[in-house]
Amino acid sequence: MEMGCQEHEKFTVRSRFMTHTVGRVLNMLGLVSIPINTKGYETLLNLVENICGDSFDLYHWLFLYNKSVLEMVERLDLTFDALRNELFDRLHQVGSREET
């Protein structure tokens, strides 16, 4: 498939850098197989195995040499903050319902 450099960089961030980031985060969390693995959890374990088979240098190079990466890292950070806030907001809603 032919495409320009900028378009290729944007696709690479979404496919390779995002996959490597999620796989490496899950690996750092220490995910292991458990007796009640779900299919989704097995998929996560497979992702960790797949990604961590690649060198960290590949991930580092994706970070260093793709100008679109910084925007994706910022979006990831904001997204995790938003997700955490939503969870805590709902936790507070549940707590206030139990008090009434």
PDB file of N, CA and C in Angstrom:
ATOM      1  N   MET A   1       0.848  -1.167   0.000  1.00  0.00           N
ATOM      2  CA  MET A   1       0.000   0.000   0.000  1.00  0.00           C
ATOM      3  C   MET A   1       0.900   1.238   0.000  1.00  0.00           C
ATOM      4  N   GLU A   2       0.647   2.140  -0.896  1.00  0.00           N
ATOM      5  CA  GLU A   2       1.426   3.368  -0.958  1.00  0.00           C
ATOM      6  C   GLU A   2       0.746   4.468  -0.156  1.00  0.00           C
ATOM      7  N   MET A   3       1.589   5.243   0.557  1.00  0.00           N
ATOM      8  CA  MET A   3       1.083   6.381   1.327  1.00  0.00           C
ATOM      9  C   MET A   3       2.244   7.302   1.631  1.00  0.00           C
ATOM     10  N   GLY A   4       1.924   8.528   1.994  1.00  0.00           N
ATOM     11  CA  GLY A   4       2.946   9.494   2.349  1.00  0.00           C
ATOM     12  C   GLY A   4       3.534   9.207   3.721  1.00  0.00           C
ATOM     13  N   CYS A   5       4.653   9.850   4.013  1.00  0.00           N
ATOM     14  CA  CYS A   5       5.350   9.635   5.288  1.00  0.00           C
ATOM     15  C   CYS A   5       4.493  10.013   6.496  1.00  0.00           C
ATOM     16  N   GLN A   6       3.813  11.149   6.435  1.00  0.00           N
ATOM     17  CA  GLN A   6       3.004  11.591   7.573  1.00  0.00           C
ATOM     18  C   GLN A   6       1.849  10.629   7.843  1.00  0.00           C
ATOM     19  N   GLU A   7       1.215  10.164   6.785  1.00  0.00           N
ATOM     20  CA  GLU A   7       0.118   9.209   6.949  1.00  0.00           C
ATOM     21  C   GLU A   7       0.647   7.907   7.551  1.00  0.00           C
ATOM     22  N   HIS A   8       1.796   7.452   7.077  1.00  0.00           N
ATOM     23  CA  HIS A   8       2.417   6.238   7.604  1.00  0.00           C
ATOM     24  C   HIS A   8       2.735   6.392   9.091  1.00  0.00           C
ATOM     25  N   GLU A   9       3.274   7.549   9.489  1.00  0.00           N
ATOM     26  CA  GLU A   9       3.583   7.791  10.899  1.00  0.00           C
ATOM     27  C   GLU A   9       2.334   7.710  11.767  1.00  0.00           C
ATOM     28  N   LYS A  10       1.230   8.297  11.306  1.00  0.00           N
ATOM     29  CA  LYS A  10      -0.007   8.266  12.091  1.00  0.00           C
ATOM     30  C   LYS A  10      -0.545   6.845  12.232  1.00  0.00           C
ATOM     31  N   PHE A  11      -0.484   6.071  11.157  1.00  0.00           N
ATOM     32  CA  PHE A  11      -0.939   4.676  11.234  1.00  0.00           C
ATOM     33  C   PHE A  11      -0.027   3.853  12.130  1.00  0.00           C
ATOM     34  N   THR A  12       1.272   4.115  12.063  1.00  0.00           N
ATOM     35  CA  THR A  12       2.232   3.370  12.881  1.00  0.00           C
ATOM     36  C   THR A  12       1.986   3.615  14.365  1.00  0.00           C
ATOM     37  N   VAL A  13       1.687   4.853  14.726  1.00  0.00           N
ATOM     38  CA  VAL A  13       1.395   5.156  16.128  1.00  0.00           C
ATOM     39  C   VAL A  13       0.181   4.374  16.588  1.00  0.00           C
ATOM     40  N   ARG A  14      -0.838   4.327  15.762  1.00  0.00           N
ATOM     41  CA  ARG A  14      -2.077   3.637  16.159  1.00  0.00           C
ATOM     42  C   ARG A  14      -1.898   2.130  16.196  1.00  0.00           C
ATOM     43  N   SER A  15      -1.151   1.571  15.269  1.00  0.00           N
ATOM     44  CA  SER A  15      -1.044   0.113  15.235  1.00  0.00           C
ATOM     45  C   SER A  15       0.123  -0.402  16.066  1.00  0.00           C
ATOM     46  N   ARG A  16       1.307   0.067  15.832  1.00  0.00           N
ATOM     47  CA  ARG A  16       2.480  -0.507  16.489  1.00  0.00           C
ATOM     48  C   ARG A  16       2.741   0.105  17.860  1.00  0.00           C
ATOM     49  N   PHE A  17       2.796   1.439  17.934  1.00  0.00           N
ATOM     50  CA  PHE A  17       3.136   2.050  19.217  1.00  0.00           C
ATOM     51  C   PHE A  17       2.054   1.766  20.261  1.00  0.00           C
ATOM     52  N   MET A  18       0.795   1.872  19.892  1.00  0.00           N
ATOM     53  CA  MET A  18      -0.295   1.616  20.840  1.00  0.00           C
ATOM     54  C   MET A  18      -0.257   0.161  21.314  1.00  0.00           C
ATOM     55  N   THR A  19      -0.051  -0.759  20.394  1.00  0.00           N
ATOM     56  CA  THR A  19       0.006  -2.177  20.754  1.00  0.00           C
ATOM     57  C   THR A  19       1.172  -2.448  21.693  1.00  0.00           C
ATOM     58  N   HIS A  20       2.330  -1.884  21.368  1.00  0.00           N
ATOM     59  CA  HIS A  20       3.500  -2.066  22.236  1.00  0.00           C
ATOM     60  C   HIS A  20       3.277  -1.432  23.607  1.00  0.00           C
ATOM     61  N   THR A  21       2.667  -0.270  23.646  1.00  0.00           N
ATOM     62  CA  THR A  21       2.426   0.403  24.923  1.00  0.00           C
ATOM     63  C   THR A  21       1.507  -0.427  25.802  1.00  0.00           C
ATOM     64  N   VAL A  22       0.394  -0.865  25.266  1.00  0.00           N
ATOM     65  CA  VAL A  22      -0.561  -1.657  26.057  1.00  0.00           C
ATOM     66  C   VAL A  22       0.084  -2.968  26.500  1.00  0.00           C
ATOM     67  N   GLY A  23       0.779  -3.640  25.600  1.00  0.00           N
ATOM     68  CA  GLY A  23       1.439  -4.897  25.957  1.00  0.00           C
ATOM     69  C   GLY A  23       2.472  -4.714  27.048  1.00  0.00           C
ATOM     70  N   ARG A  24       3.246  -3.641  26.963  1.00  0.00           N
ATOM     71  CA  ARG A  24       4.288  -3.402  27.969  1.00  0.00           C
ATOM     72  C   ARG A  24       3.685  -2.971  29.312  1.00  0.00           C
ATOM     73  N   VAL A  25       2.614  -2.197  29.286  1.00  0.00           N
ATOM     74  CA  VAL A  25       1.928  -1.842  30.540  1.00  0.00           C
ATOM     75  C   VAL A  25       1.394  -3.103  31.210  1.00  0.00           C
ATOM     76  N   LEU A  26       0.744  -3.963  30.446  1.00  0.00           N
ATOM     77  CA  LEU A  26       0.209  -5.205  31.010  1.00  0.00           C
ATOM     78  C   LEU A  26       1.323  -6.085  31.558  1.00  0.00           C
ATOM     79  N   ASN A  27       2.452  -6.124  30.859  1.00  0.00           N
ATOM     80  CA  ASN A  27       3.594  -6.897  31.338  1.00  0.00           C
ATOM     81  C   ASN A  27       4.109  -6.329  32.664  1.00  0.00           C
ATOM     82  N   MET A  28       4.181  -5.006  32.755  1.00  0.00           N
ATOM     83  CA  MET A  28       4.658  -4.373  33.995  1.00  0.00           C
ATOM     84  C   MET A  28       3.696  -4.630  35.162  1.00  0.00           C
ATOM     85  N   LEU A  29       2.433  -4.874  34.854  1.00  0.00           N
ATOM     86  CA  LEU A  29       1.458  -5.221  35.885  1.00  0.00           C
ATOM     87  C   LEU A  29       1.621  -6.668  36.361  1.00  0.00           C
ATOM     88  N   GLY A  30       2.399  -7.437  35.633  1.00  0.00           N
ATOM     89  CA  GLY A  30       2.675  -8.813  36.048  1.00  0.00           C
ATOM     90  C   GLY A  30       1.534  -9.778  35.788  1.00  0.00           C
ATOM     91  N   LEU A  31       0.785  -9.572  34.700  1.00  0.00           N
ATOM     92  CA  LEU A  31      -0.307 -10.490  34.387  1.00  0.00           C
ATOM     93  C   LEU A  31       0.218 -11.907  34.188  1.00  0.00           C
ATOM     94  N   VAL A  32      -0.456 -12.853  34.771  1.00  0.00           N
ATOM     95  CA  VAL A  32      -0.118 -14.267  34.610  1.00  0.00           C
ATOM     96  C   VAL A  32      -1.416 -15.054  34.403  1.00  0.00           C
ATOM     97  N   SER A  33      -1.278 -16.234  33.859  1.00  0.00           N
ATOM     98  CA  SER A  33      -2.431 -17.105  33.677  1.00  0.00           C
ATOM     99  C   SER A  33      -2.977 -17.501  35.049  1.00  0.00           C
ATOM    100  N   ILE A  34      -4.300 -17.523  35.156  1.00  0.00           N
ATOM    101  CA  ILE A  34      -4.959 -17.892  36.405  1.00  0.00           C
ATOM    102  C   ILE A  34      -5.994 -18.974  36.102  1.00  0.00           C
ATOM    103  N   PRO A  35      -6.485 -19.672  37.121  1.00  0.00           N
ATOM    104  CA  PRO A  35      -7.432 -20.773  36.875  1.00  0.00           C
ATOM    105  C   PRO A  35      -8.736 -20.342  36.201  1.00  0.00           C
ATOM    106  N   ILE A  36      -9.108 -19.070  36.281  1.00  0.00           N
ATOM    107  CA  ILE A  36     -10.384 -18.649  35.699  1.00  0.00           C
ATOM    108  C   ILE A  36     -10.187 -17.664  34.543  1.00  0.00           C
ATOM    109  N   ASN A  37      -9.167 -17.900  33.721  1.00  0.00           N
ATOM    110  CA  ASN A  37      -8.935 -17.037  32.561  1.00  0.00           C
ATOM    111  C   ASN A  37     -10.183 -16.952  31.692  1.00  0.00           C
ATOM    112  N   THR A  38     -10.520 -15.762  31.288  1.00  0.00           N
ATOM    113  CA  THR A  38     -11.561 -15.573  30.280  1.00  0.00           C
ATOM    114  C   THR A  38     -10.879 -15.482  28.915  1.00  0.00           C
ATOM    115  N   LYS A  39     -11.667 -15.534  27.851  1.00  0.00           N
ATOM    116  CA  LYS A  39     -11.083 -15.396  26.516  1.00  0.00           C
ATOM    117  C   LYS A  39     -10.421 -14.025  26.362  1.00  0.00           C
ATOM    118  N   GLY A  40     -11.048 -12.994  26.907  1.00  0.00           N
ATOM    119  CA  GLY A  40     -10.471 -11.659  26.847  1.00  0.00           C
ATOM    120  C   GLY A  40      -9.141 -11.581  27.583  1.00  0.00           C
ATOM    121  N   TYR A  41      -9.082 -12.210  28.758  1.00  0.00           N
ATOM    122  CA  TYR A  41      -7.845 -12.220  29.539  1.00  0.00           C
ATOM    123  C   TYR A  41      -6.758 -12.993  28.802  1.00  0.00           C
ATOM    124  N   GLU A  42      -7.128 -14.099  28.176  1.00  0.00           N
ATOM    125  CA  GLU A  42      -6.169 -14.873  27.368  1.00  0.00           C
ATOM    126  C   GLU A  42      -5.623 -14.010  26.235  1.00  0.00           C
ATOM    127  N   THR A  43      -6.474 -13.189  25.639  1.00  0.00           N
ATOM    128  CA  THR A  43      -6.031 -12.287  24.577  1.00  0.00           C
ATOM    129  C   THR A  43      -4.992 -11.311  25.114  1.00  0.00           C
ATOM    130  N   LEU A  44      -5.216 -10.784  26.322  1.00  0.00           N
ATOM    131  CA  LEU A  44      -4.244  -9.886  26.935  1.00  0.00           C
ATOM    132  C   LEU A  44      -2.923 -10.592  27.204  1.00  0.00           C
ATOM    133  N   LEU A  45      -2.989 -11.831  27.718  1.00  0.00           N
ATOM    134  CA  LEU A  45      -1.768 -12.600  27.961  1.00  0.00           C
ATOM    135  C   LEU A  45      -1.014 -12.843  26.665  1.00  0.00           C
ATOM    136  N   ASN A  46      -1.750 -13.146  25.594  1.00  0.00           N
ATOM    137  CA  ASN A  46      -1.112 -13.353  24.288  1.00  0.00           C
ATOM    138  C   ASN A  46      -0.456 -12.073  23.789  1.00  0.00           C
ATOM    139  N   LEU A  47      -1.104 -10.937  24.031  1.00  0.00           N
ATOM    140  CA  LEU A  47      -0.519  -9.661  23.635  1.00  0.00           C
ATOM    141  C   LEU A  47       0.798  -9.432  24.371  1.00  0.00           C
ATOM    142  N   VAL A  48       0.815  -9.676  25.673  1.00  0.00           N
ATOM    143  CA  VAL A  48       2.034  -9.503  26.460  1.00  0.00           C
ATOM    144  C   VAL A  48       3.141 -10.400  25.907  1.00  0.00           C
ATOM    145  N   GLU A  49       2.809 -11.641  25.664  1.00  0.00           N
ATOM    146  CA  GLU A  49       3.813 -12.587  25.141  1.00  0.00           C
ATOM    147  C   GLU A  49       4.341 -12.133  23.783  1.00  0.00           C
ATOM    148  N   ASN A  50       3.441 -11.686  22.921  1.00  0.00           N
ATOM    149  CA  ASN A  50       3.819 -11.241  21.583  1.00  0.00           C
ATOM    150  C   ASN A  50       4.705 -10.015  21.637  1.00  0.00           C
ATOM    151  N   ILE A  51       4.299  -9.023  22.389  1.00  0.00           N
ATOM    152  CA  ILE A  51       5.017  -7.747  22.441  1.00  0.00           C
ATOM    153  C   ILE A  51       6.348  -7.884  23.160  1.00  0.00           C
ATOM    154  N   CYS A  52       6.365  -8.601  24.256  1.00  0.00           N
ATOM    155  CA  CYS A  52       7.601  -8.698  25.026  1.00  0.00           C
ATOM    156  C   CYS A  52       8.616  -9.619  24.366  1.00  0.00           C
ATOM    157  N   GLY A  53       8.207 -10.284  23.302  1.00  0.00           N
ATOM    158  CA  GLY A  53       9.160 -11.029  22.481  1.00  0.00           C
ATOM    159  C   GLY A  53       9.981 -10.097  21.603  1.00  0.00           C
ATOM    160  N   ASP A  54       9.465  -8.895  21.370  1.00  0.00           N
ATOM    161  CA  ASP A  54      10.206  -7.875  20.616  1.00  0.00           C
ATOM    162  C   ASP A  54      11.142  -7.139  21.570  1.00  0.00           C
ATOM    163  N   SER A  55      12.205  -6.619  21.027  1.00  0.00           N
ATOM    164  CA  SER A  55      13.149  -5.887  21.874  1.00  0.00           C
ATOM    165  C   SER A  55      12.543  -4.564  22.318  1.00  0.00           C
ATOM    166  N   PHE A  56      12.985  -4.097  23.464  1.00  0.00           N
ATOM    167  CA  PHE A  56      12.549  -2.789  23.930  1.00  0.00           C
ATOM    168  C   PHE A  56      13.066  -1.708  22.989  1.00  0.00           C
ATOM    169  N   ASP A  57      14.175  -1.986  22.321  1.00  0.00           N
ATOM    170  CA  ASP A  57      14.733  -1.020  21.367  1.00  0.00           C
ATOM    171  C   ASP A  57      13.728  -0.668  20.278  1.00  0.00           C
ATOM    172  N   LEU A  58      12.987  -1.648  19.782  1.00  0.00           N
ATOM    173  CA  LEU A  58      11.977  -1.372  18.756  1.00  0.00           C
ATOM    174  C   LEU A  58      10.953  -0.371  19.290  1.00  0.00           C
ATOM    175  N   TYR A  59      10.471  -0.609  20.479  1.00  0.00           N
ATOM    176  CA  TYR A  59       9.504   0.293  21.113  1.00  0.00           C
ATOM    177  C   TYR A  59      10.116   1.683  21.293  1.00  0.00           C
ATOM    178  N   HIS A  60      11.332   1.719  21.764  1.00  0.00           N
ATOM    179  CA  HIS A  60      12.029   2.978  21.977  1.00  0.00           C
ATOM    180  C   HIS A  60      12.198   3.733  20.664  1.00  0.00           C
ATOM    181  N   TRP A  61      12.538   3.037  19.601  1.00  0.00           N
ATOM    182  CA  TRP A  61      12.704   3.679  18.288  1.00  0.00           C
ATOM    183  C   TRP A  61      11.375   4.239  17.781  1.00  0.00           C
ATOM    184  N   LEU A  62      10.291   3.487  18.005  1.00  0.00           N
ATOM    185  CA  LEU A  62       8.970   3.999  17.626  1.00  0.00           C
ATOM    186  C   LEU A  62       8.699   5.317  18.345  1.00  0.00           C
ATOM    187  N   PHE A  63       9.096   5.377  19.601  1.00  0.00           N
ATOM    188  CA  PHE A  63       8.902   6.588  20.396  1.00  0.00           C
ATOM    189  C   PHE A  63       9.796   7.730  19.901  1.00  0.00           C
ATOM    190  N   LEU A  64      11.043   7.442  19.649  1.00  0.00           N
ATOM    191  CA  LEU A  64      12.004   8.474  19.272  1.00  0.00           C
ATOM    192  C   LEU A  64      11.776   9.067  17.887  1.00  0.00           C
ATOM    193  N   TYR A  65      11.411   8.211  16.947  1.00  0.00           N
ATOM    194  CA  TYR A  65      11.445   8.637  15.548  1.00  0.00           C
ATOM    195  C   TYR A  65      10.089   8.866  14.902  1.00  0.00           C
ATOM    196  N   ASN A  66       9.038   8.890  15.692  1.00  0.00           N
ATOM    197  CA  ASN A  66       7.718   9.152  15.140  1.00  0.00           C
ATOM    198  C   ASN A  66       7.147  10.384  15.827  1.00  0.00           C
ATOM    199  N   LYS A  67       6.984  11.440  15.076  1.00  0.00           N
ATOM    200  CA  LYS A  67       6.534  12.716  15.642  1.00  0.00           C
ATOM    201  C   LYS A  67       5.119  12.639  16.218  1.00  0.00           C
ATOM    202  N   SER A  68       4.321  11.690  15.772  1.00  0.00           N
ATOM    203  CA  SER A  68       2.939  11.566  16.242  1.00  0.00           C
ATOM    204  C   SER A  68       2.831  10.895  17.599  1.00  0.00           C
ATOM    205  N   VAL A  69       3.913  10.304  18.080  1.00  0.00           N
ATOM    206  CA  VAL A  69       3.885   9.544  19.328  1.00  0.00           C
ATOM    207  C   VAL A  69       3.558  10.425  20.527  1.00  0.00           C
ATOM    208  N   LEU A  70       4.144  11.597  20.599  1.00  0.00           N
ATOM    209  CA  LEU A  70       3.916  12.447  21.767  1.00  0.00           C
ATOM    210  C   LEU A  70       2.442  12.795  21.941  1.00  0.00           C
ATOM    211  N   GLU A  71       1.761  13.043  20.840  1.00  0.00           N
ATOM    212  CA  GLU A  71       0.323  13.312  20.915  1.00  0.00           C
ATOM    213  C   GLU A  71      -0.417  12.096  21.444  1.00  0.00           C
ATOM    214  N   MET A  72      -0.030  10.902  21.004  1.00  0.00           N
ATOM    215  CA  MET A  72      -0.695   9.679  21.464  1.00  0.00           C
ATOM    216  C   MET A  72      -0.419   9.437  22.945  1.00  0.00           C
ATOM    217  N   VAL A  73       0.795   9.687  23.400  1.00  0.00           N
ATOM    218  CA  VAL A  73       1.114   9.523  24.818  1.00  0.00           C
ATOM    219  C   VAL A  73       0.269  10.479  25.657  1.00  0.00           C
ATOM    220  N   GLU A  74       0.133  11.702  25.195  1.00  0.00           N
ATOM    221  CA  GLU A  74      -0.698  12.685  25.905  1.00  0.00           C
ATOM    222  C   GLU A  74      -2.160  12.239  25.920  1.00  0.00           C
ATOM    223  N   ARG A  75      -2.655  11.736  24.790  1.00  0.00           N
ATOM    224  CA  ARG A  75      -4.038  11.253  24.727  1.00  0.00           C
ATOM    225  C   ARG A  75      -4.253  10.074  25.666  1.00  0.00           C
ATOM    226  N   LEU A  76      -3.272   9.168  25.736  1.00  0.00           N
ATOM    227  CA  LEU A  76      -3.366   8.036  26.658  1.00  0.00           C
ATOM    228  C   LEU A  76      -3.461   8.515  28.098  1.00  0.00           C
ATOM    229  N   ASP A  77      -2.624   9.461  28.446  1.00  0.00           N
ATOM    230  CA  ASP A  77      -2.614  10.011  29.802  1.00  0.00           C
ATOM    231  C   ASP A  77      -3.963  10.643  30.140  1.00  0.00           C
ATOM    232  N   LEU A  78      -4.479  11.453  29.245  1.00  0.00           N
ATOM    233  CA  LEU A  78      -5.776  12.102  29.467  1.00  0.00           C
ATOM    234  C   LEU A  78      -6.909  11.083  29.542  1.00  0.00           C
ATOM    235  N   THR A  79      -6.820  10.048  28.724  1.00  0.00           N
ATOM    236  CA  THR A  79      -7.854   9.015  28.704  1.00  0.00           C
ATOM    237  C   THR A  79      -7.858   8.225  30.003  1.00  0.00           C
ATOM    238  N   PHE A  80      -6.672   7.853  30.515  1.00  0.00           N
ATOM    239  CA  PHE A  80      -6.611   7.152  31.801  1.00  0.00           C
ATOM    240  C   PHE A  80      -7.149   8.026  32.923  1.00  0.00           C
ATOM    241  N   ASP A  81      -6.831   9.314  32.897  1.00  0.00           N
ATOM    242  CA  ASP A  81      -7.381  10.241  33.900  1.00  0.00           C
ATOM    243  C   ASP A  81      -8.902  10.289  33.825  1.00  0.00           C
ATOM    244  N   ALA A  82      -9.441  10.390  32.619  1.00  0.00           N
ATOM    245  CA  ALA A  82     -10.893  10.462  32.439  1.00  0.00           C
ATOM    246  C   ALA A  82     -11.562   9.169  32.911  1.00  0.00           C
ATOM    247  N   LEU A  83     -10.963   8.038  32.603  1.00  0.00           N
ATOM    248  CA  LEU A  83     -11.530   6.757  33.016  1.00  0.00           C
ATOM    249  C   LEU A  83     -11.503   6.615  34.538  1.00  0.00           C
ATOM    250  N   ARG A  84     -10.377   6.972  35.143  1.00  0.00           N
ATOM    251  CA  ARG A  84     -10.271   6.915  36.601  1.00  0.00           C
ATOM    252  C   ARG A  84     -11.303   7.844  37.251  1.00  0.00           C
ATOM    253  N   ASN A  85     -11.443   9.052  36.708  1.00  0.00           N
ATOM    254  CA  ASN A  85     -12.420   9.999  37.248  1.00  0.00           C
ATOM    255  C   ASN A  85     -13.840   9.459  37.148  1.00  0.00           C
ATOM    256  N   GLU A  86     -14.158   8.836  36.036  1.00  0.00           N
ATOM    257  CA  GLU A  86     -15.503   8.267  35.878  1.00  0.00           C
ATOM    258  C   GLU A  86     -15.747   7.156  36.905  1.00  0.00           C
ATOM    259  N   LEU A  87     -14.743   6.294  37.097  1.00  0.00           N
ATOM    260  CA  LEU A  87     -14.892   5.232  38.090  1.00  0.00           C
ATOM    261  C   LEU A  87     -15.108   5.798  39.490  1.00  0.00           C
ATOM    262  N   PHE A  88     -14.303   6.789  39.871  1.00  0.00           N
ATOM    263  CA  PHE A  88     -14.436   7.368  41.207  1.00  0.00           C
ATOM    264  C   PHE A  88     -15.731   8.154  41.356  1.00  0.00           C
ATOM    265  N   ASP A  89     -16.164   8.817  40.291  1.00  0.00           N
ATOM    266  CA  ASP A  89     -17.448   9.508  40.349  1.00  0.00           C
ATOM    267  C   ASP A  89     -18.567   8.513  40.617  1.00  0.00           C
ATOM    268  N   ARG A  90     -18.533   7.377  39.961  1.00  0.00           N
ATOM    269  CA  ARG A  90     -19.569   6.360  40.179  1.00  0.00           C
ATOM    270  C   ARG A  90     -19.455   5.741  41.559  1.00  0.00           C
ATOM    271  N   LEU A  91     -18.243   5.612  42.057  1.00  0.00           N
ATOM    272  CA  LEU A  91     -18.047   5.094  43.406  1.00  0.00           C
ATOM    273  C   LEU A  91     -18.709   6.019  44.418  1.00  0.00           C
ATOM    274  N   HIS A  92     -18.521   7.311  44.227  1.00  0.00           N
ATOM    275  CA  HIS A  92     -19.142   8.280  45.124  1.00  0.00           C
ATOM    276  C   HIS A  92     -20.660   8.258  44.993  1.00  0.00           C
ATOM    277  N   GLN A  93     -21.178   8.025  43.797  1.00  0.00           N
ATOM    278  CA  GLN A  93     -22.625   7.932  43.601  1.00  0.00           C
ATOM    279  C   GLN A  93     -23.185   6.736  44.351  1.00  0.00           C
ATOM    280  N   VAL A  94     -22.481   5.600  44.290  1.00  0.00           N
ATOM    281  CA  VAL A  94     -22.921   4.397  44.994  1.00  0.00           C
ATOM    282  C   VAL A  94     -22.890   4.645  46.489  1.00  0.00           C
ATOM    283  N   GLY A  95     -21.819   5.279  46.980  1.00  0.00           N
ATOM    284  CA  GLY A  95     -21.704   5.575  48.414  1.00  0.00           C
ATOM    285  C   GLY A  95     -22.802   6.482  48.902  1.00  0.00           C
ATOM    286  N   SER A  96     -23.182   7.483  48.101  1.00  0.00           N
ATOM    287  CA  SER A  96     -24.233   8.410  48.549  1.00  0.00           C
ATOM    288  C   SER A  96     -25.603   7.728  48.511  1.00  0.00           C
ATOM    289  N   ARG A  97     -25.807   6.767  47.621  1.00  0.00           N
ATOM    290  CA  ARG A  97     -27.080   6.030  47.590  1.00  0.00           C
ATOM    291  C   ARG A  97     -27.212   5.137  48.819  1.00  0.00           C
ATOM    292  N   GLU A  98     -26.087   4.537  49.260  1.00  0.00           N
ATOM    293  CA  GLU A  98     -26.133   3.648  50.413  1.00  0.00           C
ATOM    294  C   GLU A  98     -26.389   4.415  51.707  1.00  0.00           C
ATOM    295  N   GLU A  99     -26.006   5.691  51.731  1.00  0.00           N
ATOM    296  CA  GLU A  99     -26.216   6.499  52.932  1.00  0.00           C
ATOM    297  C   GLU A  99     -27.668   6.909  53.100  1.00  0.00           C
ATOM    298  N   THR A 100     -28.438   6.947  52.009  1.00  0.00           N
ATOM    299  CA  THR A 100     -29.828   7.390  52.112  1.00  0.00           C
ATOM    300  C   THR A 100     -30.756   6.271  52.451  1.00  0.00           C
TER     301      THR A 100
END
